[in-house]
Amino acid sequence: MKLTMNEFAELKEFEADWRSRVEFFNKHLEIELDEMLAESPGRLADAIRYSLLAPGKRLRPLLAIWGAQAICGDFAVCLPAAIAVEMIHCYSLIHDDLPAMDDDDLRRGRPTCHIQFDEATAILAGDALQPLAFEILAKRIKPLELAAKATLMLAKAAGPAALVGGQAEDLRAETEGGDAELLASIHARKTGAMIQVSVELGGLLAGGSQAQLQMLSTYGQAIGQSFQIVDDLLDVQGTAETLGKRTGKDSQRGKLTYPGFYGVEASFAAARDYTDRAVRAVESFGRNGAPLAQLAKYILERKH
């Protein structure tokens, strides 16, 4: 689809903002990580750094950053949450790649953690990233009541009713199959919950009102679904070179996916509908919410 001059300018501004925010985030992530791993055994620390500092889009930290920006125009207030959600996301990828789970050997264009190091070290690196995420929330967020609320939100999104529960359902569906209801549940838990909580935490730390936080929650739910549908489509249509991970593995393992259940065309139509919902949810934030709207459109059109 050809962009108008105004749309092209907005896209370029969004891409520049993305690069700037990622650079800012990565710098602070490295500083915090060096401090937090100062007393850790060397091989374990190397495995954590290898996985956490690997080149990536930083979608979840950016959601926290842009969620805060939508509320107050400032994003630095949400850095502890941005780092914490990336730590939880990274742990989930390390464990998801293990032979007992999805058995992947490529992640972000590099050997997965258990291939680069060994399986036991990879398990321990994932184990370590979980408490590190909650440590930074407890240490960096003030007052303590706000830190406790943020910690509870992230714990629930990463726990058995959400992320871990979605992973369990995903594995069960490989052997037992499932219906449309289970497919939606897996997407909402395994992918959607962490995407949703990322933007919600940004809004929380920026001091958002109940109404504003609800708008961000609606936005996060919508793009969580859109992201996973597009991810399923890319596994069918993408390449390992562009994605930085193996493709075609979902159908090989018998996973429940949108294109497998509904077909490619209907799946993309569903993703487009979720994108429209997300954009509408943040319209009232005006210019401060523009990056969130642009991100929703990017997720729909992404190729990697």
C-alpha atoms as a PDB file:
ATOM      1  CA  MET A   1       0.000   0.000   0.000  1.00  0.00           C
ATOM      2  CA  LYS A   2       1.409   3.351  -1.050  1.00  0.00           C
ATOM      3  CA  LEU A   3       1.755   5.905   1.733  1.00  0.00           C
ATOM      4  CA  THR A   4       0.765   9.549   1.484  1.00  0.00           C
ATOM      5  CA  MET A   5       3.500  12.127   2.131  1.00  0.00           C
ATOM      6  CA  ASN A   6       2.054  12.777   5.586  1.00  0.00           C
ATOM      7  CA  GLU A   7       1.900   9.055   6.420  1.00  0.00           C
ATOM      8  CA  PHE A   8       5.465   8.583   5.156  1.00  0.00           C
ATOM      9  CA  ALA A   9       6.684  11.454   7.372  1.00  0.00           C
ATOM     10  CA  GLU A  10       4.861   9.982  10.382  1.00  0.00           C
ATOM     11  CA  LEU A  11       6.411   6.575   9.708  1.00  0.00           C
ATOM     12  CA  LYS A  12       9.920   8.030   9.527  1.00  0.00           C
ATOM     13  CA  GLU A  13       9.364   9.946  12.755  1.00  0.00           C
ATOM     14  CA  PHE A  14       8.107   6.762  14.412  1.00  0.00           C
ATOM     15  CA  GLU A  15      11.119   4.729  13.241  1.00  0.00           C
ATOM     16  CA  ALA A  16      13.528   7.405  14.483  1.00  0.00           C
ATOM     17  CA  ASP A  17      11.724   7.498  17.843  1.00  0.00           C
ATOM     18  CA  TRP A  18      11.912   3.683  18.028  1.00  0.00           C
ATOM     19  CA  ARG A  19      15.683   3.668  17.432  1.00  0.00           C
ATOM     20  CA  SER A  20      16.225   6.451  19.951  1.00  0.00           C
ATOM     21  CA  ARG A  21      14.176   4.773  22.673  1.00  0.00           C
ATOM     22  CA  VAL A  22      15.838   1.378  22.092  1.00  0.00           C
ATOM     23  CA  GLU A  23      19.295   2.968  22.343  1.00  0.00           C
ATOM     24  CA  PHE A  24      18.273   4.714  25.573  1.00  0.00           C
ATOM     25  CA  PHE A  25      16.807   1.499  26.981  1.00  0.00           C
ATOM     26  CA  ASN A  26      19.772  -0.692  26.026  1.00  0.00           C
ATOM     27  CA  LYS A  27      22.214   1.678  27.712  1.00  0.00           C
ATOM     28  CA  HIS A  28      20.304   1.592  30.995  1.00  0.00           C
ATOM     29  CA  LEU A  29      19.723  -2.152  30.741  1.00  0.00           C
ATOM     30  CA  GLU A  30      23.471  -2.800  30.501  1.00  0.00           C
ATOM     31  CA  ILE A  31      24.195  -0.528  33.459  1.00  0.00           C
ATOM     32  CA  GLU A  32      21.601  -2.248  35.657  1.00  0.00           C
ATOM     33  CA  LEU A  33      22.668  -5.704  34.530  1.00  0.00           C
ATOM     34  CA  ASP A  34      26.333  -5.106  35.311  1.00  0.00           C
ATOM     35  CA  GLU A  35      25.386  -4.080  38.844  1.00  0.00           C
ATOM     36  CA  MET A  36      22.950  -6.943  39.382  1.00  0.00           C
ATOM     37  CA  LEU A  37      25.322  -9.637  38.093  1.00  0.00           C
ATOM     38  CA  ALA A  38      28.443  -8.360  39.863  1.00  0.00           C
ATOM     39  CA  GLU A  39      28.524 -11.314  42.278  1.00  0.00           C
ATOM     40  CA  SER A  40      27.144 -14.005  39.951  1.00  0.00           C
ATOM     41  CA  PRO A  41      29.244 -16.957  38.699  1.00  0.00           C
ATOM     42  CA  GLY A  42      30.939 -16.021  35.443  1.00  0.00           C
ATOM     43  CA  ARG A  43      29.407 -18.627  33.114  1.00  0.00           C
ATOM     44  CA  LEU A  44      25.895 -17.964  34.407  1.00  0.00           C
ATOM     45  CA  ALA A  45      26.360 -14.206  34.039  1.00  0.00           C
ATOM     46  CA  ASP A  46      27.686 -14.689  30.494  1.00  0.00           C
ATOM     47  CA  ALA A  47      24.619 -16.737  29.537  1.00  0.00           C
ATOM     48  CA  ILE A  48      22.268 -14.096  30.959  1.00  0.00           C
ATOM     49  CA  ARG A  49      24.072 -11.301  29.141  1.00  0.00           C
ATOM     50  CA  TYR A  50      24.196 -13.311  25.911  1.00  0.00           C
ATOM     51  CA  SER A  51      20.424 -13.748  25.897  1.00  0.00           C
ATOM     52  CA  LEU A  52      19.242 -10.482  27.439  1.00  0.00           C
ATOM     53  CA  LEU A  53      21.538  -8.177  25.464  1.00  0.00           C
ATOM     54  CA  ALA A  54      21.000  -9.939  22.124  1.00  0.00           C
ATOM     55  CA  PRO A  55      19.852  -7.570  19.358  1.00  0.00           C
ATOM     56  CA  GLY A  56      16.079  -7.331  19.320  1.00  0.00           C
ATOM     57  CA  LYS A  57      13.095  -5.081  18.657  1.00  0.00           C
ATOM     58  CA  ARG A  58      12.526  -4.513  22.418  1.00  0.00           C
ATOM     59  CA  LEU A  59       8.772  -4.482  21.841  1.00  0.00           C
ATOM     60  CA  ARG A  60       7.738  -4.947  25.457  1.00  0.00           C
ATOM     61  CA  PRO A  61      10.067  -2.301  26.931  1.00  0.00           C
ATOM     62  CA  LEU A  62       8.907   0.093  24.216  1.00  0.00           C
ATOM     63  CA  LEU A  63       5.303  -0.565  25.152  1.00  0.00           C
ATOM     64  CA  ALA A  64       6.109   0.437  28.728  1.00  0.00           C
ATOM     65  CA  ILE A  65       7.989   3.513  27.520  1.00  0.00           C
ATOM     66  CA  TRP A  66       5.294   4.644  25.093  1.00  0.00           C
ATOM     67  CA  GLY A  67       2.552   3.784  27.601  1.00  0.00           C
ATOM     68  CA  ALA A  68       4.147   6.176  30.080  1.00  0.00           C
ATOM     69  CA  GLN A  69       4.662   8.771  27.360  1.00  0.00           C
ATOM     70  CA  ALA A  70       0.974   8.603  26.432  1.00  0.00           C
ATOM     71  CA  ILE A  71       0.052   9.556  30.000  1.00  0.00           C
ATOM     72  CA  CYS A  72       2.585  12.206  30.934  1.00  0.00           C
ATOM     73  CA  GLY A  73       4.834  12.858  27.931  1.00  0.00           C
ATOM     74  CA  ASP A  74       7.825  11.468  29.868  1.00  0.00           C
ATOM     75  CA  PHE A  75       9.172   7.941  29.572  1.00  0.00           C
ATOM     76  CA  ALA A  76      12.085   7.773  32.026  1.00  0.00           C
ATOM     77  CA  VAL A  77       9.673   7.092  34.907  1.00  0.00           C
ATOM     78  CA  CYS A  78       8.953   3.603  33.594  1.00  0.00           C
ATOM     79  CA  LEU A  79      12.506   2.312  33.088  1.00  0.00           C
ATOM     80  CA  PRO A  80      12.339  -0.220  35.963  1.00  0.00           C
ATOM     81  CA  ALA A  81       9.193  -1.712  34.444  1.00  0.00           C
ATOM     82  CA  ALA A  82      10.684  -1.673  30.936  1.00  0.00           C
ATOM     83  CA  ILE A  83      13.719  -3.623  32.150  1.00  0.00           C
ATOM     84  CA  ALA A  84      11.621  -6.031  34.216  1.00  0.00           C
ATOM     85  CA  VAL A  85       9.274  -6.997  31.373  1.00  0.00           C
ATOM     86  CA  GLU A  86      12.225  -7.609  29.063  1.00  0.00           C
ATOM     87  CA  MET A  87      13.808  -9.863  31.676  1.00  0.00           C
ATOM     88  CA  ILE A  88      10.632 -11.920  32.016  1.00  0.00           C
ATOM     89  CA  HIS A  89      10.257 -12.074  28.240  1.00  0.00           C
ATOM     90  CA  CYS A  90      13.879 -13.191  27.840  1.00  0.00           C
ATOM     91  CA  TYR A  91      13.532 -15.915  30.468  1.00  0.00           C
ATOM     92  CA  SER A  92      10.438 -17.223  28.676  1.00  0.00           C
ATOM     93  CA  LEU A  93      12.302 -17.362  25.357  1.00  0.00           C
ATOM     94  CA  ILE A  94      15.271 -19.210  26.877  1.00  0.00           C
ATOM     95  CA  HIS A  95      12.989 -21.834  28.407  1.00  0.00           C
ATOM     96  CA  ASP A  96      10.686 -21.988  25.374  1.00  0.00           C
ATOM     97  CA  ASP A  97      13.686 -22.821  23.160  1.00  0.00           C
ATOM     98  CA  LEU A  98      14.742 -25.798  25.311  1.00  0.00           C
ATOM     99  CA  PRO A  99      14.546 -29.353  23.906  1.00  0.00           C
ATOM    100  CA  ALA A 100      11.698 -30.219  26.301  1.00  0.00           C
ATOM    101  CA  MET A 101       9.662 -27.265  25.031  1.00  0.00           C
ATOM    102  CA  ASP A 102       9.881 -25.993  21.422  1.00  0.00           C
ATOM    103  CA  ASP A 103      13.405 -27.341  20.809  1.00  0.00           C
ATOM    104  CA  ASP A 104      14.743 -24.359  18.841  1.00  0.00           C
ATOM    105  CA  ASP A 105      18.373 -23.784  17.902  1.00  0.00           C
ATOM    106  CA  LEU A 106      18.065 -20.214  16.548  1.00  0.00           C
ATOM    107  CA  ARG A 107      16.856 -17.045  18.290  1.00  0.00           C
ATOM    108  CA  ARG A 108      17.310 -13.455  17.124  1.00  0.00           C
ATOM    109  CA  GLY A 109      19.647 -14.689  14.417  1.00  0.00           C
ATOM    110  CA  ARG A 110      22.000 -16.411  16.889  1.00  0.00           C
ATOM    111  CA  PRO A 111      22.296 -19.851  18.490  1.00  0.00           C
ATOM    112  CA  THR A 112      19.829 -20.238  21.328  1.00  0.00           C
ATOM    113  CA  CYS A 113      21.141 -20.108  24.889  1.00  0.00           C
ATOM    114  CA  HIS A 114      21.241 -23.877  25.415  1.00  0.00           C
ATOM    115  CA  ILE A 115      23.114 -24.317  22.122  1.00  0.00           C
ATOM    116  CA  GLN A 116      25.618 -21.540  22.843  1.00  0.00           C
ATOM    117  CA  PHE A 117      26.232 -22.721  26.414  1.00  0.00           C
ATOM    118  CA  ASP A 118      24.488 -25.913  27.553  1.00  0.00           C
ATOM    119  CA  GLU A 119      21.020 -26.978  28.619  1.00  0.00           C
ATOM    120  CA  ALA A 120      21.598 -26.745  32.370  1.00  0.00           C
ATOM    121  CA  THR A 121      23.140 -23.277  32.111  1.00  0.00           C
ATOM    122  CA  ALA A 122      20.236 -22.110  29.949  1.00  0.00           C
ATOM    123  CA  ILE A 123      17.705 -23.335  32.514  1.00  0.00           C
ATOM    124  CA  LEU A 124      19.578 -21.523  35.275  1.00  0.00           C
ATOM    125  CA  ALA A 125      19.866 -18.330  33.217  1.00  0.00           C
ATOM    126  CA  GLY A 126      16.094 -18.342  32.750  1.00  0.00           C
ATOM    127  CA  ASP A 127      15.600 -19.090  36.445  1.00  0.00           C
ATOM    128  CA  ALA A 128      17.830 -16.152  37.389  1.00  0.00           C
ATOM    129  CA  LEU A 129      16.082 -13.644  35.145  1.00  0.00           C
ATOM    130  CA  GLN A 130      12.772 -14.098  36.953  1.00  0.00           C
ATOM    131  CA  PRO A 131      13.883 -12.875  40.404  1.00  0.00           C
ATOM    132  CA  LEU A 132      16.054 -10.205  38.753  1.00  0.00           C
ATOM    133  CA  ALA A 133      12.918  -8.743  37.185  1.00  0.00           C
ATOM    134  CA  PHE A 134      11.163  -8.439  40.530  1.00  0.00           C
ATOM    135  CA  GLU A 135      14.342  -7.207  42.208  1.00  0.00           C
ATOM    136  CA  ILE A 136      14.539  -4.183  39.951  1.00  0.00           C
ATOM    137  CA  LEU A 137      10.884  -3.309  40.528  1.00  0.00           C
ATOM    138  CA  ALA A 138      11.349  -3.504  44.302  1.00  0.00           C
ATOM    139  CA  LYS A 139      14.622  -1.576  44.236  1.00  0.00           C
ATOM    140  CA  ARG A 140      13.879   1.210  41.748  1.00  0.00           C
ATOM    141  CA  ILE A 141      10.182   2.074  42.129  1.00  0.00           C
ATOM    142  CA  LYS A 142       9.078   4.508  44.832  1.00  0.00           C
ATOM    143  CA  PRO A 143       6.936   4.663  46.913  1.00  0.00           C
ATOM    144  CA  LEU A 144       6.879   1.062  48.083  1.00  0.00           C
ATOM    145  CA  GLU A 145       3.104   0.821  47.594  1.00  0.00           C
ATOM    146  CA  LEU A 146       3.576   1.542  43.888  1.00  0.00           C
ATOM    147  CA  ALA A 147       6.416  -0.985  43.688  1.00  0.00           C
ATOM    148  CA  ALA A 148       4.180  -3.628  45.277  1.00  0.00           C
ATOM    149  CA  LYS A 149       1.374  -2.926  42.804  1.00  0.00           C
ATOM    150  CA  ALA A 150       3.740  -3.130  39.822  1.00  0.00           C
ATOM    151  CA  THR A 151       5.247  -6.356  41.159  1.00  0.00           C
ATOM    152  CA  LEU A 152       1.815  -7.940  41.590  1.00  0.00           C
ATOM    153  CA  MET A 153       0.775  -6.963  38.047  1.00  0.00           C
ATOM    154  CA  LEU A 154       3.900  -8.469  36.503  1.00  0.00           C
ATOM    155  CA  ALA A 155       3.751 -11.602  38.665  1.00  0.00           C
ATOM    156  CA  LYS A 156       0.180 -12.302  37.560  1.00  0.00           C
ATOM    157  CA  ALA A 157       1.000 -11.706  33.877  1.00  0.00           C
ATOM    158  CA  ALA A 158       3.999 -14.062  34.094  1.00  0.00           C
ATOM    159  CA  GLY A 159       2.307 -16.719  36.213  1.00  0.00           C
ATOM    160  CA  PRO A 160       0.234 -19.885  35.820  1.00  0.00           C
ATOM    161  CA  ALA A 161      -2.971 -18.071  34.858  1.00  0.00           C
ATOM    162  CA  ALA A 162      -1.209 -16.176  32.070  1.00  0.00           C
ATOM    163  CA  LEU A 163       2.233 -16.691  30.466  1.00  0.00           C
ATOM    164  CA  VAL A 164       3.147 -20.035  32.015  1.00  0.00           C
ATOM    165  CA  GLY A 165      -0.421 -21.279  31.716  1.00  0.00           C
ATOM    166  CA  GLY A 166      -0.411 -20.371  28.028  1.00  0.00           C
ATOM    167  CA  GLN A 167       2.813 -22.299  27.526  1.00  0.00           C
ATOM    168  CA  ALA A 168       1.255 -25.335  29.238  1.00  0.00           C
ATOM    169  CA  GLU A 169      -1.856 -25.120  27.034  1.00  0.00           C
ATOM    170  CA  ASP A 170       0.329 -24.714  23.944  1.00  0.00           C
ATOM    171  CA  LEU A 171       2.253 -27.902  24.736  1.00  0.00           C
ATOM    172  CA  ARG A 172      -0.917 -29.850  25.533  1.00  0.00           C
ATOM    173  CA  ALA A 173      -2.537 -28.785  22.262  1.00  0.00           C
ATOM    174  CA  GLU A 174       0.378 -30.294  20.300  1.00  0.00           C
ATOM    175  CA  THR A 175      -0.746 -33.797  21.255  1.00  0.00           C
ATOM    176  CA  GLU A 176      -4.429 -33.343  22.099  1.00  0.00           C
ATOM    177  CA  GLY A 177      -5.469 -30.683  19.574  1.00  0.00           C
ATOM    178  CA  GLY A 178      -8.032 -28.038  20.414  1.00  0.00           C
ATOM    179  CA  ASP A 179     -10.758 -25.687  19.247  1.00  0.00           C
ATOM    180  CA  ALA A 180     -11.076 -21.960  18.553  1.00  0.00           C
ATOM    181  CA  GLU A 181     -11.644 -21.227  22.233  1.00  0.00           C
ATOM    182  CA  LEU A 182      -8.386 -22.918  23.231  1.00  0.00           C
ATOM    183  CA  LEU A 183      -6.505 -21.144  20.435  1.00  0.00           C
ATOM    184  CA  ALA A 184      -7.710 -17.749  21.690  1.00  0.00           C
ATOM    185  CA  SER A 185      -6.831 -18.718  25.267  1.00  0.00           C
ATOM    186  CA  ILE A 186      -3.277 -19.734  24.324  1.00  0.00           C
ATOM    187  CA  HIS A 187      -2.710 -16.457  22.478  1.00  0.00           C
ATOM    188  CA  ALA A 188      -4.160 -14.342  25.283  1.00  0.00           C
ATOM    189  CA  ARG A 189      -2.086 -16.087  27.946  1.00  0.00           C
ATOM    190  CA  LYS A 190       1.220 -16.945  26.288  1.00  0.00           C
ATOM    191  CA  THR A 191       1.746 -13.758  24.266  1.00  0.00           C
ATOM    192  CA  GLY A 192      -1.000 -11.284  25.058  1.00  0.00           C
ATOM    193  CA  ALA A 193      -0.624 -11.114  28.835  1.00  0.00           C
ATOM    194  CA  MET A 194       2.980  -9.876  28.780  1.00  0.00           C
ATOM    195  CA  ILE A 195       2.292  -7.418  25.962  1.00  0.00           C
ATOM    196  CA  GLN A 196      -0.718  -6.059  27.825  1.00  0.00           C
ATOM    197  CA  VAL A 197       1.027  -5.718  31.188  1.00  0.00           C
ATOM    198  CA  SER A 198       3.973  -3.929  29.564  1.00  0.00           C
ATOM    199  CA  VAL A 199       1.876  -0.993  28.395  1.00  0.00           C
ATOM    200  CA  GLU A 200      -0.206  -1.063  31.602  1.00  0.00           C
ATOM    201  CA  LEU A 201       2.919  -0.790  33.773  1.00  0.00           C
ATOM    202  CA  GLY A 202       4.085   2.218  31.762  1.00  0.00           C
ATOM    203  CA  GLY A 203       0.768   3.925  32.392  1.00  0.00           C
ATOM    204  CA  LEU A 204       0.776   2.975  36.078  1.00  0.00           C
ATOM    205  CA  LEU A 205       4.241   4.409  36.752  1.00  0.00           C
ATOM    206  CA  ALA A 206       3.322   7.577  34.842  1.00  0.00           C
ATOM    207  CA  GLY A 207       0.423   8.186  37.212  1.00  0.00           C
ATOM    208  CA  GLY A 208      -2.412   7.384  34.812  1.00  0.00           C
ATOM    209  CA  SER A 209      -6.042   7.666  35.900  1.00  0.00           C
ATOM    210  CA  GLN A 210      -8.289   4.607  36.013  1.00  0.00           C
ATOM    211  CA  ALA A 211      -9.864   5.629  32.709  1.00  0.00           C
ATOM    212  CA  GLN A 212      -6.463   6.124  31.061  1.00  0.00           C
ATOM    213  CA  LEU A 213      -5.191   2.773  32.339  1.00  0.00           C
ATOM    214  CA  GLN A 214      -8.307   1.089  30.959  1.00  0.00           C
ATOM    215  CA  MET A 215      -7.595   2.572  27.522  1.00  0.00           C
ATOM    216  CA  LEU A 216      -4.055   1.214  27.654  1.00  0.00           C
ATOM    217  CA  SER A 217      -5.376  -2.164  28.791  1.00  0.00           C
ATOM    218  CA  THR A 218      -7.784  -2.301  25.840  1.00  0.00           C
ATOM    219  CA  TYR A 219      -4.936  -1.334  23.529  1.00  0.00           C
ATOM    220  CA  GLY A 220      -2.634  -3.994  25.001  1.00  0.00           C
ATOM    221  CA  GLN A 221      -5.245  -6.743  24.667  1.00  0.00           C
ATOM    222  CA  ALA A 222      -5.816  -5.867  21.011  1.00  0.00           C
ATOM    223  CA  ILE A 223      -2.189  -5.693  19.914  1.00  0.00           C
ATOM    224  CA  GLY A 224      -1.390  -8.844  21.893  1.00  0.00           C
ATOM    225  CA  GLN A 225      -3.812 -10.756  19.713  1.00  0.00           C
ATOM    226  CA  SER A 226      -2.650  -9.012  16.532  1.00  0.00           C
ATOM    227  CA  PHE A 227       1.008  -9.698  17.317  1.00  0.00           C
ATOM    228  CA  GLN A 228       0.488 -13.428  17.784  1.00  0.00           C
ATOM    229  CA  ILE A 229      -1.696 -13.796  14.694  1.00  0.00           C
ATOM    230  CA  VAL A 230       0.969 -12.063  12.591  1.00  0.00           C
ATOM    231  CA  ASP A 231       3.631 -14.217  14.272  1.00  0.00           C
ATOM    232  CA  ASP A 232       1.688 -17.316  13.221  1.00  0.00           C
ATOM    233  CA  LEU A 233       1.436 -15.955   9.667  1.00  0.00           C
ATOM    234  CA  LEU A 234       5.169 -15.229   9.533  1.00  0.00           C
ATOM    235  CA  ASP A 235       5.914 -18.799  10.590  1.00  0.00           C
ATOM    236  CA  VAL A 236       4.044 -19.853   7.452  1.00  0.00           C
ATOM    237  CA  GLN A 237       5.165 -17.106   5.059  1.00  0.00           C
ATOM    238  CA  GLY A 238       8.478 -15.796   6.444  1.00  0.00           C
ATOM    239  CA  THR A 239      12.074 -17.019   6.242  1.00  0.00           C
ATOM    240  CA  ALA A 240      14.665 -17.836   8.885  1.00  0.00           C
ATOM    241  CA  GLU A 241      16.914 -15.109   7.441  1.00  0.00           C
ATOM    242  CA  THR A 242      14.381 -12.331   7.975  1.00  0.00           C
ATOM    243  CA  LEU A 243      12.913 -13.640  11.235  1.00  0.00           C
ATOM    244  CA  GLY A 244      16.120 -14.758  12.955  1.00  0.00           C
ATOM    245  CA  LYS A 245      14.461 -18.046  13.953  1.00  0.00           C
ATOM    246  CA  ARG A 246      13.306 -21.238  12.279  1.00  0.00           C
ATOM    247  CA  THR A 247      10.072 -21.112  10.301  1.00  0.00           C
ATOM    248  CA  GLY A 248       7.489 -23.794   9.566  1.00  0.00           C
ATOM    249  CA  LYS A 249       8.008 -25.340  12.998  1.00  0.00           C
ATOM    250  CA  ASP A 250       4.460 -24.662  14.241  1.00  0.00           C
ATOM    251  CA  SER A 251       2.828 -26.959  11.685  1.00  0.00           C
ATOM    252  CA  GLN A 252       5.581 -29.552  12.135  1.00  0.00           C
ATOM    253  CA  ARG A 253       4.863 -29.741  15.867  1.00  0.00           C
ATOM    254  CA  GLY A 254       1.083 -29.700  15.402  1.00  0.00           C
ATOM    255  CA  LYS A 255       0.597 -26.382  17.203  1.00  0.00           C
ATOM    256  CA  LEU A 256      -2.721 -24.560  17.201  1.00  0.00           C
ATOM    257  CA  THR A 257      -2.323 -21.440  15.048  1.00  0.00           C
ATOM    258  CA  TYR A 258      -4.613 -18.915  13.423  1.00  0.00           C
ATOM    259  CA  PRO A 259      -3.652 -19.759   9.808  1.00  0.00           C
ATOM    260  CA  GLY A 260      -3.856 -23.460  10.594  1.00  0.00           C
ATOM    261  CA  PHE A 261      -7.359 -23.013  12.007  1.00  0.00           C
ATOM    262  CA  TYR A 262      -8.829 -20.213   9.883  1.00  0.00           C
ATOM    263  CA  GLY A 263      -6.537 -19.881   6.856  1.00  0.00           C
ATOM    264  CA  VAL A 264      -4.170 -17.056   5.879  1.00  0.00           C
ATOM    265  CA  GLU A 265      -6.710 -14.562   4.528  1.00  0.00           C
ATOM    266  CA  ALA A 266      -9.114 -14.780   7.463  1.00  0.00           C
ATOM    267  CA  SER A 267      -6.202 -14.614   9.915  1.00  0.00           C
ATOM    268  CA  PHE A 268      -4.886 -11.391   8.416  1.00  0.00           C
ATOM    269  CA  ALA A 269      -8.414  -9.931   8.462  1.00  0.00           C
ATOM    270  CA  ALA A 270      -8.641 -10.734  12.182  1.00  0.00           C
ATOM    271  CA  ALA A 271      -5.256  -9.099  12.829  1.00  0.00           C
ATOM    272  CA  ARG A 272      -6.405  -6.005  10.939  1.00  0.00           C
ATOM    273  CA  ASP A 273      -9.549  -5.831  13.083  1.00  0.00           C
ATOM    274  CA  TYR A 274      -7.517  -6.027  16.292  1.00  0.00           C
ATOM    275  CA  THR A 275      -5.218  -3.292  14.939  1.00  0.00           C
ATOM    276  CA  ASP A 276      -8.180  -0.991  14.330  1.00  0.00           C
ATOM    277  CA  ARG A 277      -9.378  -1.595  17.897  1.00  0.00           C
ATOM    278  CA  ALA A 278      -5.936  -0.768  19.269  1.00  0.00           C
ATOM    279  CA  VAL A 279      -5.668   2.491  17.318  1.00  0.00           C
ATOM    280  CA  ARG A 280      -9.123   3.605  18.462  1.00  0.00           C
ATOM    281  CA  ALA A 281      -8.222   2.850  22.081  1.00  0.00           C
ATOM    282  CA  VAL A 282      -5.381   5.405  22.144  1.00  0.00           C
ATOM    283  CA  GLU A 283      -6.867   8.144  19.957  1.00  0.00           C
ATOM    284  CA  SER A 284      -7.758  10.323  22.948  1.00  0.00           C
ATOM    285  CA  PHE A 285      -4.093  10.559  23.998  1.00  0.00           C
ATOM    286  CA  GLY A 286      -3.425  12.711  20.943  1.00  0.00           C
ATOM    287  CA  ARG A 287       0.188  13.269  19.951  1.00  0.00           C
ATOM    288  CA  ASN A 288       1.521  11.591  23.106  1.00  0.00           C
ATOM    289  CA  GLY A 289      -0.237   8.392  22.065  1.00  0.00           C
ATOM    290  CA  ALA A 290       0.867   8.534  18.423  1.00  0.00           C
ATOM    291  CA  PRO A 291       3.769   6.053  18.870  1.00  0.00           C
ATOM    292  CA  LEU A 292       1.330   3.462  20.254  1.00  0.00           C
ATOM    293  CA  ALA A 293      -0.964   3.905  17.252  1.00  0.00           C
ATOM    294  CA  GLN A 294       1.988   3.636  14.864  1.00  0.00           C
ATOM    295  CA  LEU A 295       3.218   0.536  16.686  1.00  0.00           C
ATOM    296  CA  ALA A 296      -0.148  -1.170  16.219  1.00  0.00           C
ATOM    297  CA  LYS A 297       0.088  -0.520  12.470  1.00  0.00           C
ATOM    298  CA  TYR A 298       3.707  -1.715  12.396  1.00  0.00           C
ATOM    299  CA  ILE A 299       2.771  -4.996  14.093  1.00  0.00           C
ATOM    300  CA  LEU A 300       0.169  -5.659  11.403  1.00  0.00           C
ATOM    301  CA  GLU A 301       2.591  -5.018   8.547  1.00  0.00           C
ATOM    302  CA  ARG A 302       5.812  -6.404  10.059  1.00  0.00           C
ATOM    303  CA  LYS A 303       7.949  -8.817   8.094  1.00  0.00           C
ATOM    304  CA  HIS A 304      10.238  -9.968  10.923  1.00  0.00           C
END
